[in-house]
Amino acid sequence: VATIISCAPEPEVLVLKRKSNPRDPWSG
């Protein structure tokens, strides 16, 4: 996995939300 920090304008981190999928244990 990539933890991505954007430095400007303020330091922020990117997170993605996975779509709901009954075959994916990390769904949603």
mmCIF file of all heavy atoms, coordinates in Angstrom:
data_MODEL
# 
_entry.id   MODEL 
# 
loop_
_atom_site.group_PDB 
_atom_site.id 
_atom_site.type_symbol 
_atom_site.label_atom_id 
_atom_site.label_alt_id 
_atom_site.label_comp_id 
_atom_site.label_asym_id 
_atom_site.label_entity_id 
_atom_site.label_seq_id 
_atom_site.pdbx_PDB_ins_code 
_atom_site.Cartn_x 
_atom_site.Cartn_y 
_atom_site.Cartn_z 
_atom_site.occupancy 
_atom_site.B_iso_or_equiv 
_atom_site.pdbx_formal_charge 
_atom_site.auth_seq_id 
_atom_site.auth_comp_id 
_atom_site.auth_asym_id 
_atom_site.auth_atom_id 
_atom_site.pdbx_PDB_model_num 
ATOM 1   N N   . VAL A 1 1  ? 0.838   -1.195  0.000  1.00 0.00 ? 1  VAL A N   1 
ATOM 2   C CA  . VAL A 1 1  ? 0.000   0.000   0.000  1.00 0.00 ? 1  VAL A CA  1 
ATOM 3   C C   . VAL A 1 1  ? 0.875   1.249   0.000  1.00 0.00 ? 1  VAL A C   1 
ATOM 4   O O   . VAL A 1 1  ? 2.011   1.222   0.462  1.00 0.00 ? 1  VAL A O   1 
ATOM 5   C CB  . VAL A 1 1  ? -0.978  0.047   1.198  1.00 0.00 ? 1  VAL A CB  1 
ATOM 6   C CG1 . VAL A 1 1  ? -1.974  -1.099  1.138  1.00 0.00 ? 1  VAL A CG1 1 
ATOM 7   C CG2 . VAL A 1 1  ? -0.255  0.081   2.523  1.00 0.00 ? 1  VAL A CG2 1 
ATOM 8   N N   . ALA A 1 2  ? 0.283   2.342   -0.506 1.00 0.00 ? 2  ALA A N   1 
ATOM 9   C CA  . ALA A 1 2  ? 0.961   3.639   -0.536 1.00 0.00 ? 2  ALA A CA  1 
ATOM 10  C C   . ALA A 1 2  ? 0.271   4.574   0.441  1.00 0.00 ? 2  ALA A C   1 
ATOM 11  O O   . ALA A 1 2  ? -0.922  4.830   0.332  1.00 0.00 ? 2  ALA A O   1 
ATOM 12  C CB  . ALA A 1 2  ? 0.905   4.233   -1.940 1.00 0.00 ? 2  ALA A CB  1 
ATOM 13  N N   . THR A 1 3  ? 1.021   5.054   1.403  1.00 0.00 ? 3  THR A N   1 
ATOM 14  C CA  . THR A 1 3  ? 0.549   6.152   2.239  1.00 0.00 ? 3  THR A CA  1 
ATOM 15  C C   . THR A 1 3  ? 1.091   7.408   1.567  1.00 0.00 ? 3  THR A C   1 
ATOM 16  O O   . THR A 1 3  ? 2.304   7.590   1.482  1.00 0.00 ? 3  THR A O   1 
ATOM 17  C CB  . THR A 1 3  ? 1.049   6.015   3.685  1.00 0.00 ? 3  THR A CB  1 
ATOM 18  O OG1 . THR A 1 3  ? 0.569   4.783   4.212  1.00 0.00 ? 3  THR A OG1 1 
ATOM 19  C CG2 . THR A 1 3  ? 0.556   7.163   4.542  1.00 0.00 ? 3  THR A CG2 1 
ATOM 20  N N   . ILE A 1 4  ? 0.180   8.229   1.046  1.00 0.00 ? 4  ILE A N   1 
ATOM 21  C CA  . ILE A 1 4  ? 0.571   9.391   0.246  1.00 0.00 ? 4  ILE A CA  1 
ATOM 22  C C   . ILE A 1 4  ? 0.253   10.661  1.018  1.00 0.00 ? 4  ILE A C   1 
ATOM 23  O O   . ILE A 1 4  ? -0.902  10.911  1.373  1.00 0.00 ? 4  ILE A O   1 
ATOM 24  C CB  . ILE A 1 4  ? -0.163  9.398   -1.106 1.00 0.00 ? 4  ILE A CB  1 
ATOM 25  C CG1 . ILE A 1 4  ? 0.130   8.102   -1.872 1.00 0.00 ? 4  ILE A CG1 1 
ATOM 26  C CG2 . ILE A 1 4  ? 0.226   10.624  -1.925 1.00 0.00 ? 4  ILE A CG2 1 
ATOM 27  C CD1 . ILE A 1 4  ? -0.723  7.904   -3.114 1.00 0.00 ? 4  ILE A CD1 1 
ATOM 28  N N   . ILE A 1 5  ? 1.280   11.438  1.284  1.00 0.00 ? 5  ILE A N   1 
ATOM 29  C CA  . ILE A 1 5  ? 1.142   12.721  1.962  1.00 0.00 ? 5  ILE A CA  1 
ATOM 30  C C   . ILE A 1 5  ? 1.336   13.825  0.927  1.00 0.00 ? 5  ILE A C   1 
ATOM 31  O O   . ILE A 1 5  ? 2.329   13.841  0.209  1.00 0.00 ? 5  ILE A O   1 
ATOM 32  C CB  . ILE A 1 5  ? 2.209   12.898  3.073  1.00 0.00 ? 5  ILE A CB  1 
ATOM 33  C CG1 . ILE A 1 5  ? 2.192   11.737  4.056  1.00 0.00 ? 5  ILE A CG1 1 
ATOM 34  C CG2 . ILE A 1 5  ? 2.065   14.260  3.752  1.00 0.00 ? 5  ILE A CG2 1 
ATOM 35  C CD1 . ILE A 1 5  ? 0.998   11.631  4.938  1.00 0.00 ? 5  ILE A CD1 1 
ATOM 36  N N   . SER A 1 6  ? 0.359   14.719  0.853  1.00 0.00 ? 6  SER A N   1 
ATOM 37  C CA  . SER A 1 6  ? 0.486   15.917  0.029  1.00 0.00 ? 6  SER A CA  1 
ATOM 38  C C   . SER A 1 6  ? 0.924   17.040  0.955  1.00 0.00 ? 6  SER A C   1 
ATOM 39  O O   . SER A 1 6  ? 0.302   17.270  1.996  1.00 0.00 ? 6  SER A O   1 
ATOM 40  C CB  . SER A 1 6  ? -0.863  16.252  -0.615 1.00 0.00 ? 6  SER A CB  1 
ATOM 41  O OG  . SER A 1 6  ? -0.807  17.537  -1.179 1.00 0.00 ? 6  SER A OG  1 
ATOM 42  N N   . CYS A 1 7  ? 1.991   17.736  0.596  1.00 0.00 ? 7  CYS A N   1 
ATOM 43  C CA  . CYS A 1 7  ? 2.575   18.734  1.490  1.00 0.00 ? 7  CYS A CA  1 
ATOM 44  C C   . CYS A 1 7  ? 1.913   20.106  1.411  1.00 0.00 ? 7  CYS A C   1 
ATOM 45  O O   . CYS A 1 7  ? 2.016   20.886  2.357  1.00 0.00 ? 7  CYS A O   1 
ATOM 46  C CB  . CYS A 1 7  ? 4.078   18.850  1.212  1.00 0.00 ? 7  CYS A CB  1 
ATOM 47  S SG  . CYS A 1 7  ? 4.937   17.290  1.575  1.00 0.00 ? 7  CYS A SG  1 
ATOM 48  N N   . ALA A 1 8  ? 1.282   20.437  0.311  1.00 0.00 ? 8  ALA A N   1 
ATOM 49  C CA  . ALA A 1 8  ? 0.709   21.779  0.158  1.00 0.00 ? 8  ALA A CA  1 
ATOM 50  C C   . ALA A 1 8  ? -0.714  21.685  -0.352 1.00 0.00 ? 8  ALA A C   1 
ATOM 51  O O   . ALA A 1 8  ? -1.026  20.783  -1.139 1.00 0.00 ? 8  ALA A O   1 
ATOM 52  C CB  . ALA A 1 8  ? 1.568   22.606  -0.802 1.00 0.00 ? 8  ALA A CB  1 
ATOM 53  N N   . PRO A 1 9  ? -1.612  22.542  0.045  1.00 0.00 ? 9  PRO A N   1 
ATOM 54  C CA  . PRO A 1 9  ? -1.336  23.715  0.870  1.00 0.00 ? 9  PRO A CA  1 
ATOM 55  C C   . PRO A 1 9  ? -1.095  23.370  2.339  1.00 0.00 ? 9  PRO A C   1 
ATOM 56  O O   . PRO A 1 9  ? -0.334  24.049  3.021  1.00 0.00 ? 9  PRO A O   1 
ATOM 57  C CB  . PRO A 1 9  ? -2.587  24.581  0.713  1.00 0.00 ? 9  PRO A CB  1 
ATOM 58  C CG  . PRO A 1 9  ? -3.678  23.622  0.370  1.00 0.00 ? 9  PRO A CG  1 
ATOM 59  C CD  . PRO A 1 9  ? -3.012  22.491  -0.383 1.00 0.00 ? 9  PRO A CD  1 
ATOM 60  N N   . GLU A 1 10 ? -1.726  22.344  2.880  1.00 0.00 ? 10 GLU A N   1 
ATOM 61  C CA  . GLU A 1 10 ? -1.490  21.831  4.235  1.00 0.00 ? 10 GLU A CA  1 
ATOM 62  C C   . GLU A 1 10 ? -1.151  20.354  4.103  1.00 0.00 ? 10 GLU A C   1 
ATOM 63  O O   . GLU A 1 10 ? -1.649  19.692  3.208  1.00 0.00 ? 10 GLU A O   1 
ATOM 64  C CB  . GLU A 1 10 ? -2.750  21.981  5.102  1.00 0.00 ? 10 GLU A CB  1 
ATOM 65  C CG  . GLU A 1 10 ? -3.192  23.405  5.334  1.00 0.00 ? 10 GLU A CG  1 
ATOM 66  C CD  . GLU A 1 10 ? -2.193  24.185  6.172  1.00 0.00 ? 10 GLU A CD  1 
ATOM 67  O OE1 . GLU A 1 10 ? -1.574  23.607  7.083  1.00 0.00 ? 10 GLU A OE1 1 
ATOM 68  O OE2 . GLU A 1 10 ? -2.023  25.384  5.887  1.00 0.00 ? 10 GLU A OE2 1 
ATOM 69  N N   . PRO A 1 11 ? -0.349  19.796  5.009  1.00 0.00 ? 11 PRO A N   1 
ATOM 70  C CA  . PRO A 1 11 ? -0.070  18.361  4.931  1.00 0.00 ? 11 PRO A CA  1 
ATOM 71  C C   . PRO A 1 11 ? -1.359  17.552  5.094  1.00 0.00 ? 11 PRO A C   1 
ATOM 72  O O   . PRO A 1 11 ? -2.095  17.724  6.058  1.00 0.00 ? 11 PRO A O   1 
ATOM 73  C CB  . PRO A 1 11 ? 0.885   18.104  6.090  1.00 0.00 ? 11 PRO A CB  1 
ATOM 74  C CG  . PRO A 1 11 ? 1.452   19.435  6.441  1.00 0.00 ? 11 PRO A CG  1 
ATOM 75  C CD  . PRO A 1 11 ? 0.400   20.442  6.093  1.00 0.00 ? 11 PRO A CD  1 
ATOM 76  N N   . GLU A 1 12 ? -1.623  16.700  4.093  1.00 0.00 ? 12 GLU A N   1 
ATOM 77  C CA  . GLU A 1 12 ? -2.816  15.861  4.080  1.00 0.00 ? 12 GLU A CA  1 
ATOM 78  C C   . GLU A 1 12 ? -2.438  14.457  3.640  1.00 0.00 ? 12 GLU A C   1 
ATOM 79  O O   . GLU A 1 12 ? -1.463  14.270  2.923  1.00 0.00 ? 12 GLU A O   1 
ATOM 80  C CB  . GLU A 1 12 ? -3.855  16.411  3.107  1.00 0.00 ? 12 GLU A CB  1 
ATOM 81  C CG  . GLU A 1 12 ? -4.370  17.791  3.441  1.00 0.00 ? 12 GLU A CG  1 
ATOM 82  C CD  . GLU A 1 12 ? -5.311  18.343  2.386  1.00 0.00 ? 12 GLU A CD  1 
ATOM 83  O OE1 . GLU A 1 12 ? -4.999  18.247  1.180  1.00 0.00 ? 12 GLU A OE1 1 
ATOM 84  O OE2 . GLU A 1 12 ? -6.367  18.859  2.776  1.00 0.00 ? 12 GLU A OE2 1 
ATOM 85  N N   . VAL A 1 13 ? -3.248  13.491  4.055  1.00 0.00 ? 13 VAL A N   1 
ATOM 86  C CA  . VAL A 1 13 ? -3.032  12.101  3.675  1.00 0.00 ? 13 VAL A CA  1 
ATOM 87  C C   . VAL A 1 13 ? -4.244  11.618  2.881  1.00 0.00 ? 13 VAL A C   1 
ATOM 88  O O   . VAL A 1 13 ? -5.376  11.954  3.200  1.00 0.00 ? 13 VAL A O   1 
ATOM 89  C CB  . VAL A 1 13 ? -2.761  11.208  4.910  1.00 0.00 ? 13 VAL A CB  1 
ATOM 90  C CG1 . VAL A 1 13 ? -3.943  11.186  5.861  1.00 0.00 ? 13 VAL A CG1 1 
ATOM 91  C CG2 . VAL A 1 13 ? -2.360  9.805   4.500  1.00 0.00 ? 13 VAL A CG2 1 
ATOM 92  N N   . LEU A 1 14 ? -3.976  10.826  1.858  1.00 0.00 ? 14 LEU A N   1 
ATOM 93  C CA  . LEU A 1 14 ? -5.023  10.294  0.996  1.00 0.00 ? 14 LEU A CA  1 
ATOM 94  C C   . LEU A 1 14 ? -5.553  8.972   1.536  1.00 0.00 ? 14 LEU A C   1 
ATOM 95  O O   . LEU A 1 14 ? -4.768  8.072   1.851  1.00 0.00 ? 14 LEU A O   1 
ATOM 96  C CB  . LEU A 1 14 ? -4.488  10.071  -0.420 1.00 0.00 ? 14 LEU A CB  1 
ATOM 97  C CG  . LEU A 1 14 ? -5.440  9.396   -1.410 1.00 0.00 ? 14 LEU A CG  1 
ATOM 98  C CD1 . LEU A 1 14 ? -6.626  10.308  -1.727 1.00 0.00 ? 14 LEU A CD1 1 
ATOM 99  C CD2 . LEU A 1 14 ? -4.696  9.024   -2.687 1.00 0.00 ? 14 LEU A CD2 1 
ATOM 100 N N   . VAL A 1 15 ? -6.890  8.874   1.625  1.00 0.00 ? 15 VAL A N   1 
ATOM 101 C CA  . VAL A 1 15 ? -7.542  7.594   1.903  1.00 0.00 ? 15 VAL A CA  1 
ATOM 102 C C   . VAL A 1 15 ? -8.616  7.373   0.851  1.00 0.00 ? 15 VAL A C   1 
ATOM 103 O O   . VAL A 1 15 ? -9.211  8.320   0.340  1.00 0.00 ? 15 VAL A O   1 
ATOM 104 C CB  . VAL A 1 15 ? -8.147  7.520   3.327  1.00 0.00 ? 15 VAL A CB  1 
ATOM 105 C CG1 . VAL A 1 15 ? -7.063  7.442   4.383  1.00 0.00 ? 15 VAL A CG1 1 
ATOM 106 C CG2 . VAL A 1 15 ? -9.098  8.669   3.595  1.00 0.00 ? 15 VAL A CG2 1 
ATOM 107 N N   . LEU A 1 16 ? -8.820  6.114   0.508  1.00 0.00 ? 16 LEU A N   1 
ATOM 108 C CA  . LEU A 1 16 ? -9.835  5.721   -0.466 1.00 0.00 ? 16 LEU A CA  1 
ATOM 109 C C   . LEU A 1 16 ? -10.883 4.892   0.256  1.00 0.00 ? 16 LEU A C   1 
ATOM 110 O O   . LEU A 1 16 ? -10.561 4.145   1.180  1.00 0.00 ? 16 LEU A O   1 
ATOM 111 C CB  . LEU A 1 16 ? -9.218  4.865   -1.575 1.00 0.00 ? 16 LEU A CB  1 
ATOM 112 C CG  . LEU A 1 16 ? -8.004  5.416   -2.312 1.00 0.00 ? 16 LEU A CG  1 
ATOM 113 C CD1 . LEU A 1 16 ? -7.490  4.389   -3.321 1.00 0.00 ? 16 LEU A CD1 1 
ATOM 114 C CD2 . LEU A 1 16 ? -8.329  6.729   -2.989 1.00 0.00 ? 16 LEU A CD2 1 
ATOM 115 N N   . LYS A 1 17 ? -12.128 4.999   -0.175 1.00 0.00 ? 17 LYS A N   1 
ATOM 116 C CA  . LYS A 1 17 ? -13.175 4.149   0.392  1.00 0.00 ? 17 LYS A CA  1 
ATOM 117 C C   . LYS A 1 17 ? -13.536 3.084   -0.639 1.00 0.00 ? 17 LYS A C   1 
ATOM 118 O O   . LYS A 1 17 ? -13.914 3.399   -1.769 1.00 0.00 ? 17 LYS A O   1 
ATOM 119 C CB  . LYS A 1 17 ? -14.407 4.950   0.778  1.00 0.00 ? 17 LYS A CB  1 
ATOM 120 C CG  . LYS A 1 17 ? -15.411 4.086   1.510  1.00 0.00 ? 17 LYS A CG  1 
ATOM 121 C CD  . LYS A 1 17 ? -16.486 4.864   2.190  1.00 0.00 ? 17 LYS A CD  1 
ATOM 122 C CE  . LYS A 1 17 ? -17.338 3.896   2.992  1.00 0.00 ? 17 LYS A CE  1 
ATOM 123 N NZ  . LYS A 1 17 ? -18.574 4.491   3.419  1.00 0.00 ? 17 LYS A NZ  1 
ATOM 124 N N   . ARG A 1 18 ? -13.407 1.840   -0.221 1.00 0.00 ? 18 ARG A N   1 
ATOM 125 C CA  . ARG A 1 18 ? -13.697 0.712   -1.096 1.00 0.00 ? 18 ARG A CA  1 
ATOM 126 C C   . ARG A 1 18 ? -15.204 0.576   -1.292 1.00 0.00 ? 18 ARG A C   1 
ATOM 127 O O   . ARG A 1 18 ? -15.973 0.789   -0.366 1.00 0.00 ? 18 ARG A O   1 
ATOM 128 C CB  . ARG A 1 18 ? -13.112 -0.565  -0.508 1.00 0.00 ? 18 ARG A CB  1 
ATOM 129 C CG  . ARG A 1 18 ? -11.604 -0.467  -0.310 1.00 0.00 ? 18 ARG A CG  1 
ATOM 130 C CD  . ARG A 1 18 ? -11.066 -1.659  0.445  1.00 0.00 ? 18 ARG A CD  1 
ATOM 131 N NE  . ARG A 1 18 ? -11.177 -2.866  -0.333 1.00 0.00 ? 18 ARG A NE  1 
ATOM 132 C CZ  . ARG A 1 18 ? -10.269 -3.284  -1.211 1.00 0.00 ? 18 ARG A CZ  1 
ATOM 133 N NH1 . ARG A 1 18 ? -9.184  -2.597  -1.412 1.00 0.00 ? 18 ARG A NH1 1 
ATOM 134 N NH2 . ARG A 1 18 ? -10.454 -4.403  -1.868 1.00 0.00 ? 18 ARG A NH2 1 
ATOM 135 N N   . LYS A 1 19 ? -15.606 0.208   -2.511 1.00 0.00 ? 19 LYS A N   1 
ATOM 136 C CA  . LYS A 1 19 ? -17.025 -0.041  -2.786 1.00 0.00 ? 19 LYS A CA  1 
ATOM 137 C C   . LYS A 1 19 ? -17.482 -1.296  -2.050 1.00 0.00 ? 19 LYS A C   1 
ATOM 138 O O   . LYS A 1 19 ? -16.685 -2.178  -1.769 1.00 0.00 ? 19 LYS A O   1 
ATOM 139 C CB  . LYS A 1 19 ? -17.242 -0.241  -4.288 1.00 0.00 ? 19 LYS A CB  1 
ATOM 140 C CG  . LYS A 1 19 ? -17.347 1.048   -5.037 1.00 0.00 ? 19 LYS A CG  1 
ATOM 141 C CD  . LYS A 1 19 ? -17.958 0.820   -6.395 1.00 0.00 ? 19 LYS A CD  1 
ATOM 142 C CE  . LYS A 1 19 ? -18.275 2.167   -7.004 1.00 0.00 ? 19 LYS A CE  1 
ATOM 143 N NZ  . LYS A 1 19 ? -18.830 2.044   -8.324 1.00 0.00 ? 19 LYS A NZ  1 
ATOM 144 N N   . SER A 1 20 ? -18.770 -1.357  -1.789 1.00 0.00 ? 20 SER A N   1 
ATOM 145 C CA  . SER A 1 20 ? -19.335 -2.552  -1.160 1.00 0.00 ? 20 SER A CA  1 
ATOM 146 C C   . SER A 1 20 ? -19.285 -3.711  -2.142 1.00 0.00 ? 20 SER A C   1 
ATOM 147 O O   . SER A 1 20 ? -19.671 -3.571  -3.298 1.00 0.00 ? 20 SER A O   1 
ATOM 148 C CB  . SER A 1 20 ? -20.779 -2.288  -0.732 1.00 0.00 ? 20 SER A CB  1 
ATOM 149 O OG  . SER A 1 20 ? -20.799 -1.336  0.294  1.00 0.00 ? 20 SER A OG  1 
ATOM 150 N N   . ASN A 1 21 ? -18.789 -4.842  -1.664 1.00 0.00 ? 21 ASN A N   1 
ATOM 151 C CA  . ASN A 1 21 ? -18.649 -6.047  -2.477 1.00 0.00 ? 21 ASN A CA  1 
ATOM 152 C C   . ASN A 1 21 ? -18.686 -7.242  -1.532 1.00 0.00 ? 21 ASN A C   1 
ATOM 153 O O   . ASN A 1 21 ? -17.813 -7.375  -0.686 1.00 0.00 ? 21 ASN A O   1 
ATOM 154 C CB  . ASN A 1 21 ? -17.327 -6.004  -3.261 1.00 0.00 ? 21 ASN A CB  1 
ATOM 155 C CG  . ASN A 1 21 ? -17.096 -7.239  -4.097 1.00 0.00 ? 21 ASN A CG  1 
ATOM 156 O OD1 . ASN A 1 21 ? -17.734 -8.275  -3.930 1.00 0.00 ? 21 ASN A OD1 1 
ATOM 157 N ND2 . ASN A 1 21 ? -16.152 -7.134  -5.004 1.00 0.00 ? 21 ASN A ND2 1 
ATOM 158 N N   . PRO A 1 22 ? -19.671 -8.125  -1.662 1.00 0.00 ? 22 PRO A N   1 
ATOM 159 C CA  . PRO A 1 22 ? -19.781 -9.249  -0.729 1.00 0.00 ? 22 PRO A CA  1 
ATOM 160 C C   . PRO A 1 22 ? -18.578 -10.195 -0.763 1.00 0.00 ? 22 PRO A C   1 
ATOM 161 O O   . PRO A 1 22 ? -18.356 -10.933 0.192  1.00 0.00 ? 22 PRO A O   1 
ATOM 162 C CB  . PRO A 1 22 ? -21.061 -9.964  -1.163 1.00 0.00 ? 22 PRO A CB  1 
ATOM 163 C CG  . PRO A 1 22 ? -21.394 -9.445  -2.514 1.00 0.00 ? 22 PRO A CG  1 
ATOM 164 C CD  . PRO A 1 22 ? -20.736 -8.109  -2.666 1.00 0.00 ? 22 PRO A CD  1 
ATOM 165 N N   . ARG A 1 23 ? -17.788 -10.177 -1.816 1.00 0.00 ? 23 ARG A N   1 
ATOM 166 C CA  . ARG A 1 23 ? -16.609 -11.055 -1.898 1.00 0.00 ? 23 ARG A CA  1 
ATOM 167 C C   . ARG A 1 23 ? -15.357 -10.409 -1.302 1.00 0.00 ? 23 ARG A C   1 
ATOM 168 O O   . ARG A 1 23 ? -14.315 -11.041 -1.228 1.00 0.00 ? 23 ARG A O   1 
ATOM 169 C CB  . ARG A 1 23 ? -16.340 -11.454 -3.346 1.00 0.00 ? 23 ARG A CB  1 
ATOM 170 C CG  . ARG A 1 23 ? -17.453 -12.323 -3.925 1.00 0.00 ? 23 ARG A CG  1 
ATOM 171 C CD  . ARG A 1 23 ? -17.201 -12.640 -5.366 1.00 0.00 ? 23 ARG A CD  1 
ATOM 172 N NE  . ARG A 1 23 ? -17.213 -11.367 -6.103 1.00 0.00 ? 23 ARG A NE  1 
ATOM 173 C CZ  . ARG A 1 23 ? -16.768 -11.193 -7.323 1.00 0.00 ? 23 ARG A CZ  1 
ATOM 174 N NH1 . ARG A 1 23 ? -16.262 -12.185 -7.986 1.00 0.00 ? 23 ARG A NH1 1 
ATOM 175 N NH2 . ARG A 1 23 ? -16.840 -10.021 -7.908 1.00 0.00 ? 23 ARG A NH2 1 
ATOM 176 N N   . ASP A 1 24 ? -15.454 -9.137  -0.891 1.00 0.00 ? 24 ASP A N   1 
ATOM 177 C CA  . ASP A 1 24 ? -14.301 -8.405  -0.372 1.00 0.00 ? 24 ASP A CA  1 
ATOM 178 C C   . ASP A 1 24 ? -14.447 -8.236  1.138  1.00 0.00 ? 24 ASP A C   1 
ATOM 179 O O   . ASP A 1 24 ? -15.360 -7.556  1.594  1.00 0.00 ? 24 ASP A O   1 
ATOM 180 C CB  . ASP A 1 24 ? -14.233 -7.029  -1.059 1.00 0.00 ? 24 ASP A CB  1 
ATOM 181 C CG  . ASP A 1 24 ? -13.090 -6.168  -0.573 1.00 0.00 ? 24 ASP A CG  1 
ATOM 182 O OD1 . ASP A 1 24 ? -12.304 -6.608  0.304  1.00 0.00 ? 24 ASP A OD1 1 
ATOM 183 O OD2 . ASP A 1 24 ? -12.982 -5.033  -1.067 1.00 0.00 ? 24 ASP A OD2 1 
ATOM 184 N N   . PRO A 1 25 ? -13.547 -8.844  1.928  1.00 0.00 ? 25 PRO A N   1 
ATOM 185 C CA  . PRO A 1 25 ? -13.665 -8.714  3.384  1.00 0.00 ? 25 PRO A CA  1 
ATOM 186 C C   . PRO A 1 25 ? -13.453 -7.281  3.880  1.00 0.00 ? 25 PRO A C   1 
ATOM 187 O O   . PRO A 1 25 ? -13.831 -6.952  4.991  1.00 0.00 ? 25 PRO A O   1 
ATOM 188 C CB  . PRO A 1 25 ? -12.589 -9.657  3.927  1.00 0.00 ? 25 PRO A CB  1 
ATOM 189 C CG  . PRO A 1 25 ? -11.639 -9.858  2.810  1.00 0.00 ? 25 PRO A CG  1 
ATOM 190 C CD  . PRO A 1 25 ? -12.424 -9.680  1.528  1.00 0.00 ? 25 PRO A CD  1 
ATOM 191 N N   . TRP A 1 26 ? -12.864 -6.419  3.065  1.00 0.00 ? 26 TRP A N   1 
ATOM 192 C CA  . TRP A 1 26 ? -12.640 -5.022  3.439  1.00 0.00 ? 26 TRP A CA  1 
ATOM 193 C C   . TRP A 1 26 ? -13.626 -4.100  2.730  1.00 0.00 ? 26 TRP A C   1 
ATOM 194 O O   . TRP A 1 26 ? -13.434 -2.903  2.636  1.00 0.00 ? 26 TRP A O   1 
ATOM 195 C CB  . TRP A 1 26 ? -11.199 -4.623  3.148  1.00 0.00 ? 26 TRP A CB  1 
ATOM 196 C CG  . TRP A 1 26 ? -10.246 -5.386  4.009  1.00 0.00 ? 26 TRP A CG  1 
ATOM 197 C CD1 . TRP A 1 26 ? -9.941  -5.121  5.307  1.00 0.00 ? 26 TRP A CD1 1 
ATOM 198 C CD2 . TRP A 1 26 ? -9.491  -6.543  3.656  1.00 0.00 ? 26 TRP A CD2 1 
ATOM 199 N NE1 . TRP A 1 26 ? -9.049  -6.055  5.788  1.00 0.00 ? 26 TRP A NE1 1 
ATOM 200 C CE2 . TRP A 1 26 ? -8.750  -6.932  4.788  1.00 0.00 ? 26 TRP A CE2 1 
ATOM 201 C CE3 . TRP A 1 26 ? -9.377  -7.306  2.490  1.00 0.00 ? 26 TRP A CE3 1 
ATOM 202 C CZ2 . TRP A 1 26 ? -7.922  -8.045  4.795  1.00 0.00 ? 26 TRP A CZ2 1 
ATOM 203 C CZ3 . TRP A 1 26 ? -8.534  -8.401  2.508  1.00 0.00 ? 26 TRP A CZ3 1 
ATOM 204 C CH2 . TRP A 1 26 ? -7.824  -8.769  3.639  1.00 0.00 ? 26 TRP A CH2 1 
ATOM 205 N N   . SER A 1 27 ? -14.716 -4.673  2.272  1.00 0.00 ? 27 SER A N   1 
ATOM 206 C CA  . SER A 1 27 ? -15.762 -3.952  1.558  1.00 0.00 ? 27 SER A CA  1 
ATOM 207 C C   . SER A 1 27 ? -16.266 -2.761  2.365  1.00 0.00 ? 27 SER A C   1 
ATOM 208 O O   . SER A 1 27 ? -16.566 -2.881  3.552  1.00 0.00 ? 27 SER A O   1 
ATOM 209 C CB  . SER A 1 27 ? -16.909 -4.924  1.285  1.00 0.00 ? 27 SER A CB  1 
ATOM 210 O OG  . SER A 1 27 ? -17.988 -4.286  0.687  1.00 0.00 ? 27 SER A OG  1 
ATOM 211 N N   . GLY A 1 28 ? -16.336 -1.593  1.724  1.00 0.00 ? 28 GLY A N   1 
ATOM 212 C CA  . GLY A 1 28 ? -16.863 -0.395  2.361  1.00 0.00 ? 28 GLY A CA  1 
ATOM 213 C C   . GLY A 1 28 ? -15.924 0.272   3.335  1.00 0.00 ? 28 GLY A C   1 
ATOM 214 O O   . GLY A 1 28 ? -16.274 1.270   3.944  1.00 0.00 ? 28 GLY A O   1 
# 
